[in-house]
Amino acid sequence: MQLFADVQAKAHGPVLEITLMSQEPMGRGAPQTRAVFDQILVEVSGLAPLQLVFRSDRDGALP
């Protein structure tokens, strides 16, 4: 797995972009990758309030 984190300056304020890349097969929903990503979100949200926006290359953005 590879983790990338980047803070972007946006008009409405700074945005933290987190990217998690994995070679785990997506056919079964990548349960290990999702578990790691969920834990990262728990850790980050404990540091600062955030609005979660999720996008997956497989599934696209969440509504």
PDB file of N, CA and C in Angstrom:
ATOM      1  N   MET A   1       0.838  -1.177   0.000  1.00  0.00           N
ATOM      2  CA  MET A   1       0.000   0.000   0.000  1.00  0.00           C
ATOM      3  C   MET A   1       0.879   1.235   0.000  1.00  0.00           C
ATOM      4  N   GLN A   2       0.362   2.274  -0.629  1.00  0.00           N
ATOM      5  CA  GLN A   2       1.013   3.582  -0.632  1.00  0.00           C
ATOM      6  C   GLN A   2      -0.005   4.617  -0.177  1.00  0.00           C
ATOM      7  N   LEU A   3       0.439   5.524   0.678  1.00  0.00           N
ATOM      8  CA  LEU A   3      -0.413   6.590   1.187  1.00  0.00           C
ATOM      9  C   LEU A   3       0.171   7.927   0.755  1.00  0.00           C
ATOM     10  N   PHE A   4      -0.674   8.768   0.178  1.00  0.00           N
ATOM     11  CA  PHE A   4      -0.288  10.122  -0.199  1.00  0.00           C
ATOM     12  C   PHE A   4      -1.237  11.086   0.503  1.00  0.00           C
ATOM     13  N   ALA A   5      -0.689  12.126   1.093  1.00  0.00           N
ATOM     14  CA  ALA A   5      -1.503  13.167   1.722  1.00  0.00           C
ATOM     15  C   ALA A   5      -1.005  14.512   1.214  1.00  0.00           C
ATOM     16  N   ASP A   6      -1.942  15.373   0.852  1.00  0.00           N
ATOM     17  CA  ASP A   6      -1.589  16.665   0.281  1.00  0.00           C
ATOM     18  C   ASP A   6      -2.604  17.701   0.746  1.00  0.00           C
ATOM     19  N   VAL A   7      -2.114  18.846   1.194  1.00  0.00           N
ATOM     20  CA  VAL A   7      -2.999  19.945   1.574  1.00  0.00           C
ATOM     21  C   VAL A   7      -3.064  20.915   0.399  1.00  0.00           C
ATOM     22  N   GLN A   8      -4.282  21.184  -0.053  1.00  0.00           N
ATOM     23  CA  GLN A   8      -4.519  22.084  -1.183  1.00  0.00           C
ATOM     24  C   GLN A   8      -5.210  23.353  -0.685  1.00  0.00           C
ATOM     25  N   ALA A   9      -4.769  24.500  -1.169  1.00  0.00           N
ATOM     26  CA  ALA A   9      -5.438  25.766  -0.858  1.00  0.00           C
ATOM     27  C   ALA A   9      -6.630  25.919  -1.801  1.00  0.00           C
ATOM     28  N   LYS A  10      -7.807  25.987  -1.244  1.00  0.00           N
ATOM     29  CA  LYS A  10      -9.036  26.164  -2.025  1.00  0.00           C
ATOM     30  C   LYS A  10      -9.693  27.478  -1.619  1.00  0.00           C
ATOM     31  N   ALA A  11     -10.642  27.952  -2.397  1.00  0.00           N
ATOM     32  CA  ALA A  11     -11.318  29.222  -2.119  1.00  0.00           C
ATOM     33  C   ALA A  11     -12.003  29.212  -0.754  1.00  0.00           C
ATOM     34  N   HIS A  12     -12.554  28.071  -0.352  1.00  0.00           N
ATOM     35  CA  HIS A  12     -13.269  27.966   0.919  1.00  0.00           C
ATOM     36  C   HIS A  12     -12.359  27.533   2.071  1.00  0.00           C
ATOM     37  N   GLY A  13     -11.063  27.439   1.826  1.00  0.00           N
ATOM     38  CA  GLY A  13     -10.106  27.080   2.871  1.00  0.00           C
ATOM     39  C   GLY A  13      -9.291  25.862   2.476  1.00  0.00           C
ATOM     40  N   PRO A  14      -8.314  25.508   3.311  1.00  0.00           N
ATOM     41  CA  PRO A  14      -7.441  24.376   2.984  1.00  0.00           C
ATOM     42  C   PRO A  14      -8.205  23.049   2.962  1.00  0.00           C
ATOM     43  N   VAL A  15      -7.770  22.164   2.072  1.00  0.00           N
ATOM     44  CA  VAL A  15      -8.384  20.847   1.909  1.00  0.00           C
ATOM     45  C   VAL A  15      -7.288  19.795   1.992  1.00  0.00           C
ATOM     46  N   LEU A  16      -7.508  18.776   2.818  1.00  0.00           N
ATOM     47  CA  LEU A  16      -6.573  17.658   2.913  1.00  0.00           C
ATOM     48  C   LEU A  16      -7.045  16.560   1.972  1.00  0.00           C
ATOM     49  N   GLU A  17      -6.200  16.201   1.014  1.00  0.00           N
ATOM     50  CA  GLU A  17      -6.518  15.120   0.082  1.00  0.00           C
ATOM     51  C   GLU A  17      -5.690  13.906   0.475  1.00  0.00           C
ATOM     52  N   ILE A  18      -6.358  12.782   0.689  1.00  0.00           N
ATOM     53  CA  ILE A  18      -5.692  11.539   1.067  1.00  0.00           C
ATOM     54  C   ILE A  18      -5.931  10.521  -0.037  1.00  0.00           C
ATOM     55  N   THR A  19      -4.861   9.914  -0.504  1.00  0.00           N
ATOM     56  CA  THR A  19      -4.948   8.879  -1.530  1.00  0.00           C
ATOM     57  C   THR A  19      -4.294   7.621  -0.990  1.00  0.00           C
ATOM     58  N   LEU A  20      -4.997   6.512  -1.057  1.00  0.00           N
ATOM     59  CA  LEU A  20      -4.455   5.225  -0.647  1.00  0.00           C
ATOM     60  C   LEU A  20      -4.469   4.320  -1.868  1.00  0.00           C
ATOM     61  N   MET A  21      -3.289   3.858  -2.253  1.00  0.00           N
ATOM     62  CA  MET A  21      -3.172   2.978  -3.418  1.00  0.00           C
ATOM     63  C   MET A  21      -2.796   1.583  -2.939  1.00  0.00           C
ATOM     64  N   SER A  22      -3.408   0.580  -3.553  1.00  0.00           N
ATOM     65  CA  SER A  22      -3.199  -0.797  -3.140  1.00  0.00           C
ATOM     66  C   SER A  22      -3.242  -1.710  -4.359  1.00  0.00           C
ATOM     67  N   GLN A  23      -2.547  -2.819  -4.255  1.00  0.00           N
ATOM     68  CA  GLN A  23      -2.603  -3.827  -5.312  1.00  0.00           C
ATOM     69  C   GLN A  23      -3.613  -4.920  -4.984  1.00  0.00           C
ATOM     70  N   GLU A  24      -4.361  -4.728  -3.909  1.00  0.00           N
ATOM     71  CA  GLU A  24      -5.373  -5.707  -3.523  1.00  0.00           C
ATOM     72  C   GLU A  24      -6.469  -5.757  -4.589  1.00  0.00           C
ATOM     73  N   PRO A  25      -6.896  -6.955  -4.991  1.00  0.00           N
ATOM     74  CA  PRO A  25      -7.933  -7.076  -6.020  1.00  0.00           C
ATOM     75  C   PRO A  25      -9.244  -6.401  -5.599  1.00  0.00           C
ATOM     76  N   MET A  26      -9.822  -5.640  -6.509  1.00  0.00           N
ATOM     77  CA  MET A  26     -11.074  -4.941  -6.229  1.00  0.00           C
ATOM     78  C   MET A  26     -12.294  -5.835  -6.430  1.00  0.00           C
ATOM     79  N   GLY A  27     -12.107  -6.994  -7.026  1.00  0.00           N
ATOM     80  CA  GLY A  27     -13.226  -7.891  -7.290  1.00  0.00           C
ATOM     81  C   GLY A  27     -13.994  -8.270  -6.043  1.00  0.00           C
ATOM     82  N   ARG A  28     -13.297  -8.339  -4.926  1.00  0.00           N
ATOM     83  CA  ARG A  28     -13.944  -8.678  -3.655  1.00  0.00           C
ATOM     84  C   ARG A  28     -14.139  -7.447  -2.776  1.00  0.00           C
ATOM     85  N   GLY A  29     -13.960  -6.266  -3.361  1.00  0.00           N
ATOM     86  CA  GLY A  29     -14.186  -5.036  -2.612  1.00  0.00           C
ATOM     87  C   GLY A  29     -12.989  -4.549  -1.818  1.00  0.00           C
ATOM     88  N   ALA A  30     -11.829  -5.191  -1.979  1.00  0.00           N
ATOM     89  CA  ALA A  30     -10.584  -4.787  -1.307  1.00  0.00           C
ATOM     90  C   ALA A  30     -10.793  -4.559   0.191  1.00  0.00           C
ATOM     91  N   PRO A  31     -11.198  -5.585   0.941  1.00  0.00           N
ATOM     92  CA  PRO A  31     -11.526  -5.380   2.356  1.00  0.00           C
ATOM     93  C   PRO A  31     -10.348  -4.897   3.211  1.00  0.00           C
ATOM     94  N   GLN A  32      -9.147  -5.356   2.946  1.00  0.00           N
ATOM     95  CA  GLN A  32      -8.000  -4.903   3.741  1.00  0.00           C
ATOM     96  C   GLN A  32      -7.699  -3.433   3.470  1.00  0.00           C
ATOM     97  N   THR A  33      -7.759  -3.039   2.210  1.00  0.00           N
ATOM     98  CA  THR A  33      -7.508  -1.645   1.846  1.00  0.00           C
ATOM     99  C   THR A  33      -8.566  -0.744   2.463  1.00  0.00           C
ATOM    100  N   ARG A  34      -9.814  -1.159   2.404  1.00  0.00           N
ATOM    101  CA  ARG A  34     -10.896  -0.366   2.994  1.00  0.00           C
ATOM    102  C   ARG A  34     -10.729  -0.244   4.508  1.00  0.00           C
ATOM    103  N   ALA A  35     -10.291  -1.312   5.165  1.00  0.00           N
ATOM    104  CA  ALA A  35     -10.080  -1.272   6.617  1.00  0.00           C
ATOM    105  C   ALA A  35      -8.972  -0.282   6.973  1.00  0.00           C
ATOM    106  N   VAL A  36      -7.883  -0.303   6.219  1.00  0.00           N
ATOM    107  CA  VAL A  36      -6.787   0.641   6.460  1.00  0.00           C
ATOM    108  C   VAL A  36      -7.267   2.064   6.215  1.00  0.00           C
ATOM    109  N   PHE A  37      -7.990   2.285   5.139  1.00  0.00           N
ATOM    110  CA  PHE A  37      -8.484   3.627   4.821  1.00  0.00           C
ATOM    111  C   PHE A  37      -9.436   4.122   5.905  1.00  0.00           C
ATOM    112  N   ASP A  38     -10.321   3.246   6.384  1.00  0.00           N
ATOM    113  CA  ASP A  38     -11.237   3.621   7.467  1.00  0.00           C
ATOM    114  C   ASP A  38     -10.462   4.050   8.712  1.00  0.00           C
ATOM    115  N   GLN A  39      -9.401   3.318   9.050  1.00  0.00           N
ATOM    116  CA  GLN A  39      -8.596   3.657  10.222  1.00  0.00           C
ATOM    117  C   GLN A  39      -7.889   4.999  10.032  1.00  0.00           C
ATOM    118  N   ILE A  40      -7.389   5.258   8.835  1.00  0.00           N
ATOM    119  CA  ILE A  40      -6.754   6.551   8.542  1.00  0.00           C
ATOM    120  C   ILE A  40      -7.761   7.682   8.744  1.00  0.00           C
ATOM    121  N   LEU A  41      -8.989   7.502   8.266  1.00  0.00           N
ATOM    122  CA  LEU A  41     -10.009   8.540   8.416  1.00  0.00           C
ATOM    123  C   LEU A  41     -10.350   8.781   9.879  1.00  0.00           C
ATOM    124  N   VAL A  42     -10.394   7.722  10.679  1.00  0.00           N
ATOM    125  CA  VAL A  42     -10.650   7.868  12.116  1.00  0.00           C
ATOM    126  C   VAL A  42      -9.541   8.695  12.760  1.00  0.00           C
ATOM    127  N   GLU A  43      -8.297   8.377  12.427  1.00  0.00           N
ATOM    128  CA  GLU A  43      -7.157   9.101  12.992  1.00  0.00           C
ATOM    129  C   GLU A  43      -7.177  10.573  12.585  1.00  0.00           C
ATOM    130  N   VAL A  44      -7.381  10.838  11.310  1.00  0.00           N
ATOM    131  CA  VAL A  44      -7.370  12.217  10.811  1.00  0.00           C
ATOM    132  C   VAL A  44      -8.533  13.015  11.388  1.00  0.00           C
ATOM    133  N   SER A  45      -9.720  12.428  11.440  1.00  0.00           N
ATOM    134  CA  SER A  45     -10.883  13.160  11.947  1.00  0.00           C
ATOM    135  C   SER A  45     -10.745  13.468  13.431  1.00  0.00           C
ATOM    136  N   GLY A  46      -9.917  12.707  14.155  1.00  0.00           N
ATOM    137  CA  GLY A  46      -9.653  13.007  15.559  1.00  0.00           C
ATOM    138  C   GLY A  46      -8.752  14.213  15.738  1.00  0.00           C
ATOM    139  N   LEU A  47      -8.027  14.583  14.703  1.00  0.00           N
ATOM    140  CA  LEU A  47      -7.112  15.726  14.768  1.00  0.00           C
ATOM    141  C   LEU A  47      -7.789  17.043  14.411  1.00  0.00           C
ATOM    142  N   ALA A  48      -8.742  16.985  13.507  1.00  0.00           N
ATOM    143  CA  ALA A  48      -9.409  18.201  13.047  1.00  0.00           C
ATOM    144  C   ALA A  48     -10.766  17.832  12.458  1.00  0.00           C
ATOM    145  N   PRO A  49     -11.740  18.736  12.585  1.00  0.00           N
ATOM    146  CA  PRO A  49     -13.034  18.461  11.946  1.00  0.00           C
ATOM    147  C   PRO A  49     -12.853  18.430  10.430  1.00  0.00           C
ATOM    148  N   LEU A  50     -13.562  17.533   9.796  1.00  0.00           N
ATOM    149  CA  LEU A  50     -13.433  17.440   8.348  1.00  0.00           C
ATOM    150  C   LEU A  50     -14.741  17.036   7.709  1.00  0.00           C
ATOM    151  N   GLN A  51     -14.863  17.402   6.464  1.00  0.00           N
ATOM    152  CA  GLN A  51     -15.997  16.988   5.645  1.00  0.00           C
ATOM    153  C   GLN A  51     -15.466  15.929   4.699  1.00  0.00           C
ATOM    154  N   LEU A  52     -15.994  14.736   4.789  1.00  0.00           N
ATOM    155  CA  LEU A  52     -15.511  13.619   3.996  1.00  0.00           C
ATOM    156  C   LEU A  52     -16.132  13.620   2.604  1.00  0.00           C
ATOM    157  N   VAL A  53     -15.275  13.540   1.605  1.00  0.00           N
ATOM    158  CA  VAL A  53     -15.698  13.369   0.218  1.00  0.00           C
ATOM    159  C   VAL A  53     -14.893  12.201  -0.311  1.00  0.00           C
ATOM    160  N   PHE A  54     -15.567  11.136  -0.731  1.00  0.00           N
ATOM    161  CA  PHE A  54     -14.907   9.911  -1.146  1.00  0.00           C
ATOM    162  C   PHE A  54     -15.014   9.740  -2.653  1.00  0.00           C
ATOM    163  N   ARG A  55     -13.904   9.316  -3.251  1.00  0.00           N
ATOM    164  CA  ARG A  55     -13.921   8.991  -4.674  1.00  0.00           C
ATOM    165  C   ARG A  55     -13.058   7.761  -4.883  1.00  0.00           C
ATOM    166  N   SER A  56     -13.573   6.824  -5.630  1.00  0.00           N
ATOM    167  CA  SER A  56     -12.853   5.606  -5.957  1.00  0.00           C
ATOM    168  C   SER A  56     -12.759   5.487  -7.473  1.00  0.00           C
ATOM    169  N   ASP A  57     -11.612   5.049  -7.954  1.00  0.00           N
ATOM    170  CA  ASP A  57     -11.483   4.819  -9.397  1.00  0.00           C
ATOM    171  C   ASP A  57     -12.470   3.764  -9.866  1.00  0.00           C
ATOM    172  N   ARG A  58     -12.841   2.885  -8.968  1.00  0.00           N
ATOM    173  CA  ARG A  58     -13.771   1.817  -9.327  1.00  0.00           C
ATOM    174  C   ARG A  58     -15.221   2.287  -9.258  1.00  0.00           C
ATOM    175  N   ASP A  59     -15.562   2.971  -8.168  1.00  0.00           N
ATOM    176  CA  ASP A  59     -16.954   3.293  -7.893  1.00  0.00           C
ATOM    177  C   ASP A  59     -17.347   4.726  -8.216  1.00  0.00           C
ATOM    178  N   GLY A  60     -16.380   5.610  -8.373  1.00  0.00           N
ATOM    179  CA  GLY A  60     -16.697   7.018  -8.574  1.00  0.00           C
ATOM    180  C   GLY A  60     -17.022   7.692  -7.252  1.00  0.00           C
ATOM    181  N   ALA A  61     -17.450   8.914  -7.325  1.00  0.00           N
ATOM    182  CA  ALA A  61     -17.725   9.696  -6.110  1.00  0.00           C
ATOM    183  C   ALA A  61     -18.996   9.213  -5.425  1.00  0.00           C
ATOM    184  N   LEU A  62     -19.013   9.320  -4.111  1.00  0.00           N
ATOM    185  CA  LEU A  62     -20.225   9.030  -3.364  1.00  0.00           C
ATOM    186  C   LEU A  62     -21.172  10.207  -3.513  1.00  0.00           C
ATOM    187  N   PRO A  63     -22.479   9.949  -3.504  1.00  0.00           N
ATOM    188  CA  PRO A  63     -23.444  11.062  -3.627  1.00  0.00           C
ATOM    189  C   PRO A  63     -23.394  11.962  -2.407  1.00  0.00           C
TER     190      PRO A  63
END
